[in-house]
Amino acid sequence: MEQQLVTAATEGDIKTVLELLEGGADINATNNQGVTAVMAATQKNNVETVKTLIEQGADIDIRNNNMDNVLLYSGAEGLLEIVKLAVQAGADTTITNRFGGTALIPASDRGHVDIVEELLTNSDTDVNHLNNLHWTALLEAVILGDGRENYQEIVQLLVDHGADVNISDRDGVTPLEHAERRGFKEIERILKEAGA
């Protein structure tokens, strides 16, 4: 029954999801990848199914075998509607992915401006969280980004929401020094204005 629930959620079959839950299926049961129904729906970007499962009491903080949960996955993949649902449902923003990062960090390094803005504006995400590499969201946006407009916007958003521009990587290299090395003039300007 639980396997059917995960399958129905994957397919976005809300009618079957609700029937199985009514029949006693465990909403938080996982498959062999550690995926819950709400996580399966998230991976397929089935927004209405995610919404329905949250309304039915699904635990969105459960991580799968890959250490992803609803917020971490949707943040990294740029699924704004699901990020919003997770934030509204009180997702724990301190839970980290397999790299020790919060949802903000992959969203920043992948250039998802809307996700970064949502997390900084509407959740209690720690803007200066350090992952296993000793990188903040700001460092990731500079090091892994390409310096173009969306990354400039992300750097500005991070700075506007209290990112410490002087937190360096493990080797003592600051975001400004990384930006200078890569020739990201606009990002250099933003960082200098912010006190770097």
Protein backbone atom coordinates (compact mmCIF):
# COMPACT_ATOMS: atom_id res chain seq x y z
CA MET A 1 0.00 0.00 0.00
CA GLU A 2 2.81 2.42 0.89
CA GLN A 3 4.61 1.59 -2.37
CA GLN A 4 1.38 2.37 -4.24
CA LEU A 5 1.22 5.69 -2.41
CA VAL A 6 4.73 6.68 -3.51
CA THR A 7 3.90 5.59 -7.09
CA ALA A 8 0.64 7.56 -7.12
CA ALA A 9 2.45 10.64 -5.80
CA THR A 10 5.13 10.25 -8.48
CA GLU A 11 2.41 10.16 -11.13
CA GLY A 12 0.56 13.13 -9.61
CA ASP A 13 -2.52 10.95 -9.08
CA ILE A 14 -4.13 12.88 -6.22
CA LYS A 15 -7.34 10.83 -6.26
CA THR A 16 -5.42 7.58 -5.63
CA VAL A 17 -3.17 9.29 -3.06
CA LEU A 18 -6.21 10.37 -1.04
CA GLU A 19 -7.88 6.95 -1.38
CA LEU A 20 -4.75 5.18 -0.12
CA LEU A 21 -4.38 7.57 2.82
CA GLU A 22 -8.05 7.05 3.69
CA GLY A 23 -7.41 3.32 3.52
CA GLY A 24 -4.69 3.63 6.15
CA ALA A 25 -1.49 4.00 4.14
CA ASP A 26 1.37 5.57 6.14
CA ILE A 27 1.87 9.04 4.63
CA ASN A 28 5.53 9.10 5.67
CA ALA A 29 6.48 5.60 4.55
CA THR A 30 9.55 5.41 2.31
CA ASN A 31 10.57 3.28 -0.64
CA ASN A 32 13.98 1.58 -0.94
CA GLN A 33 15.59 4.94 -1.85
CA GLY A 34 14.18 6.46 1.33
CA VAL A 35 11.71 8.50 -0.72
CA THR A 36 8.39 9.48 0.85
CA ALA A 37 5.28 10.23 -1.21
CA VAL A 38 5.76 13.99 -0.77
CA MET A 39 9.39 13.69 -1.86
CA ALA A 40 8.40 11.60 -4.90
CA ALA A 41 5.89 14.28 -5.91
CA THR A 42 8.57 16.94 -5.40
CA GLN A 43 11.04 15.13 -7.66
CA LYS A 44 8.43 15.17 -10.45
CA ASN A 45 7.44 18.80 -9.70
CA ASN A 46 3.84 17.70 -9.07
CA VAL A 47 2.94 20.88 -7.19
CA GLU A 48 -0.71 20.05 -6.47
CA THR A 49 0.22 16.60 -5.17
CA VAL A 50 2.86 18.11 -2.88
CA LYS A 51 0.29 20.62 -1.64
CA THR A 52 -2.27 17.86 -1.00
CA LEU A 53 0.24 15.69 0.89
CA ILE A 54 1.34 18.65 3.04
CA GLU A 55 -2.32 19.38 3.83
CA GLN A 56 -2.72 15.70 4.80
CA GLY A 57 0.17 16.01 7.27
CA ALA A 58 3.19 14.70 5.35
CA ASP A 59 6.54 15.26 7.07
CA ILE A 60 8.48 17.37 4.55
CA ASP A 61 11.71 17.28 6.56
CA ILE A 62 12.41 13.55 6.07
CA ARG A 63 15.57 13.09 3.98
CA ASN A 64 15.97 10.32 1.42
CA ASN A 65 19.06 8.12 1.00
CA ASN A 66 20.68 10.94 -0.99
CA MET A 67 20.19 13.29 2.01
CA ASP A 68 17.60 15.39 0.13
CA ASN A 69 14.20 16.44 1.42
CA VAL A 70 11.42 18.56 -0.12
CA LEU A 71 13.07 21.94 0.56
CA LEU A 72 16.63 20.84 -0.24
CA TYR A 73 15.64 19.20 -3.52
CA SER A 74 13.25 21.90 -4.74
CA GLY A 75 15.74 24.62 -3.81
CA ALA A 76 18.59 22.99 -5.71
CA GLU A 77 16.41 22.22 -8.75
CA GLY A 78 14.79 25.66 -8.91
CA LEU A 79 11.21 24.49 -8.20
CA LEU A 80 9.88 27.77 -6.81
CA GLU A 81 6.27 26.74 -6.16
CA ILE A 82 7.38 23.76 -4.08
CA VAL A 83 9.96 25.85 -2.20
CA LYS A 84 7.14 28.26 -1.33
CA LEU A 85 4.90 25.40 -0.15
CA ALA A 86 7.73 23.98 1.98
CA VAL A 87 8.54 27.36 3.55
CA GLN A 88 4.84 28.03 4.27
CA ALA A 89 4.56 24.58 5.85
CA GLY A 90 7.43 25.40 8.22
CA ALA A 91 10.22 23.36 6.65
CA ASP A 92 13.29 23.14 8.89
CA THR A 93 15.80 25.37 7.08
CA THR A 94 18.69 24.10 9.20
CA ILE A 95 18.57 20.59 7.72
CA THR A 96 21.51 20.07 5.38
CA ASN A 97 22.21 18.09 2.21
CA ARG A 98 25.01 15.56 1.67
CA PHE A 99 27.49 18.44 1.30
CA GLY A 100 26.47 19.98 4.62
CA GLY A 101 24.67 22.83 2.88
CA THR A 102 21.25 24.35 3.47
CA ALA A 103 18.82 24.86 0.55
CA LEU A 104 20.19 28.38 0.04
CA ILE A 105 23.65 27.18 -0.96
CA PRO A 106 22.85 25.08 -4.07
CA ALA A 107 20.19 27.62 -5.08
CA SER A 108 22.92 30.28 -5.01
CA ASP A 109 25.50 28.27 -6.91
CA ARG A 110 23.00 27.20 -9.59
CA GLY A 111 21.79 30.74 -10.23
CA HIS A 112 18.19 30.36 -9.01
CA VAL A 113 17.51 34.03 -8.17
CA ASP A 114 13.83 33.45 -7.32
CA ILE A 115 14.65 30.63 -4.89
CA VAL A 116 17.37 32.67 -3.17
CA GLU A 117 14.97 35.59 -2.83
CA GLU A 118 12.18 33.38 -1.44
CA LEU A 119 14.45 31.75 1.14
CA LEU A 120 16.02 35.03 2.29
CA THR A 121 12.74 36.94 2.38
CA ASN A 122 10.30 34.39 3.76
CA SER A 123 12.27 31.91 5.86
CA ASP A 124 14.76 31.88 8.70
CA THR A 125 17.57 30.52 6.50
CA ASP A 126 21.03 31.30 7.87
CA VAL A 127 22.66 33.41 5.14
CA ASN A 128 26.15 32.69 6.53
CA HIS A 129 25.84 28.90 6.96
CA LEU A 130 29.09 27.09 6.13
CA ASN A 131 28.93 23.76 4.30
CA ASN A 132 31.46 20.89 4.46
CA LEU A 133 33.76 22.72 2.03
CA HIS A 134 33.71 25.74 4.37
CA TRP A 135 31.79 27.71 1.73
CA THR A 136 28.85 30.05 2.33
CA ALA A 137 26.12 30.71 -0.24
CA LEU A 138 28.05 33.86 -1.18
CA LEU A 139 31.28 31.95 -1.81
CA GLU A 140 29.39 29.34 -3.85
CA ALA A 141 27.70 32.00 -6.00
CA VAL A 142 31.08 33.56 -6.80
CA ILE A 143 33.14 30.36 -7.16
CA LEU A 144 30.62 28.17 -9.00
CA GLY A 145 28.69 30.90 -10.81
CA ASP A 146 29.62 32.49 -14.13
CA GLY A 147 29.46 36.11 -12.97
CA ARG A 148 26.50 36.95 -15.21
CA GLU A 149 23.40 38.91 -14.28
CA ASN A 150 21.59 36.23 -12.28
CA TYR A 151 24.71 35.68 -10.16
CA GLN A 152 25.10 39.43 -9.69
CA GLU A 153 21.49 39.54 -8.46
CA ILE A 154 22.12 36.63 -6.09
CA VAL A 155 25.25 38.26 -4.65
CA GLN A 156 23.28 41.49 -4.15
CA LEU A 157 20.41 39.61 -2.45
CA LEU A 158 22.81 37.76 -0.15
CA VAL A 159 24.58 40.99 0.79
CA ASP A 160 21.26 42.80 1.33
CA HIS A 161 20.21 40.01 3.71
CA GLY A 162 23.29 40.14 5.87
CA ALA A 163 25.83 37.90 4.15
CA ASP A 164 29.24 38.41 5.72
CA VAL A 165 31.39 39.41 2.73
CA ASN A 166 34.59 38.63 4.62
CA ILE A 167 33.99 34.96 5.45
CA SER A 168 36.75 33.22 3.49
CA ASP A 169 37.08 29.68 2.22
CA ARG A 170 39.31 27.14 3.98
CA ASP A 171 42.38 28.61 2.26
CA GLY A 172 41.61 32.10 3.51
CA VAL A 173 40.42 33.36 0.10
CA THR A 174 37.52 35.82 0.37
CA PRO A 175 34.57 36.17 -2.03
CA LEU A 176 36.12 39.43 -3.31
CA GLU A 177 39.43 37.72 -4.09
CA HIS A 178 37.59 34.93 -5.90
CA ALA A 179 35.61 37.52 -7.90
CA GLU A 180 38.80 39.39 -8.79
CA ARG A 181 40.53 36.19 -9.94
CA ARG A 182 37.60 35.39 -12.19
CA GLY A 183 37.22 38.93 -13.55
CA PHE A 184 33.68 39.42 -12.23
CA LYS A 185 33.78 43.25 -12.18
CA GLU A 186 30.13 43.80 -11.23
CA ILE A 187 30.32 41.30 -8.37
CA GLU A 188 33.55 42.95 -7.20
CA ARG A 189 31.71 46.28 -7.10
CA ILE A 190 28.80 44.84 -5.08
CA LEU A 191 31.17 43.22 -2.58
CA LYS A 192 33.29 46.36 -2.17
CA GLU A 193 30.18 48.46 -1.57
CA ALA A 194 29.21 45.96 1.10
CA GLY A 195 32.51 46.46 2.92
CA ALA A 196 34.72 43.76 1.42
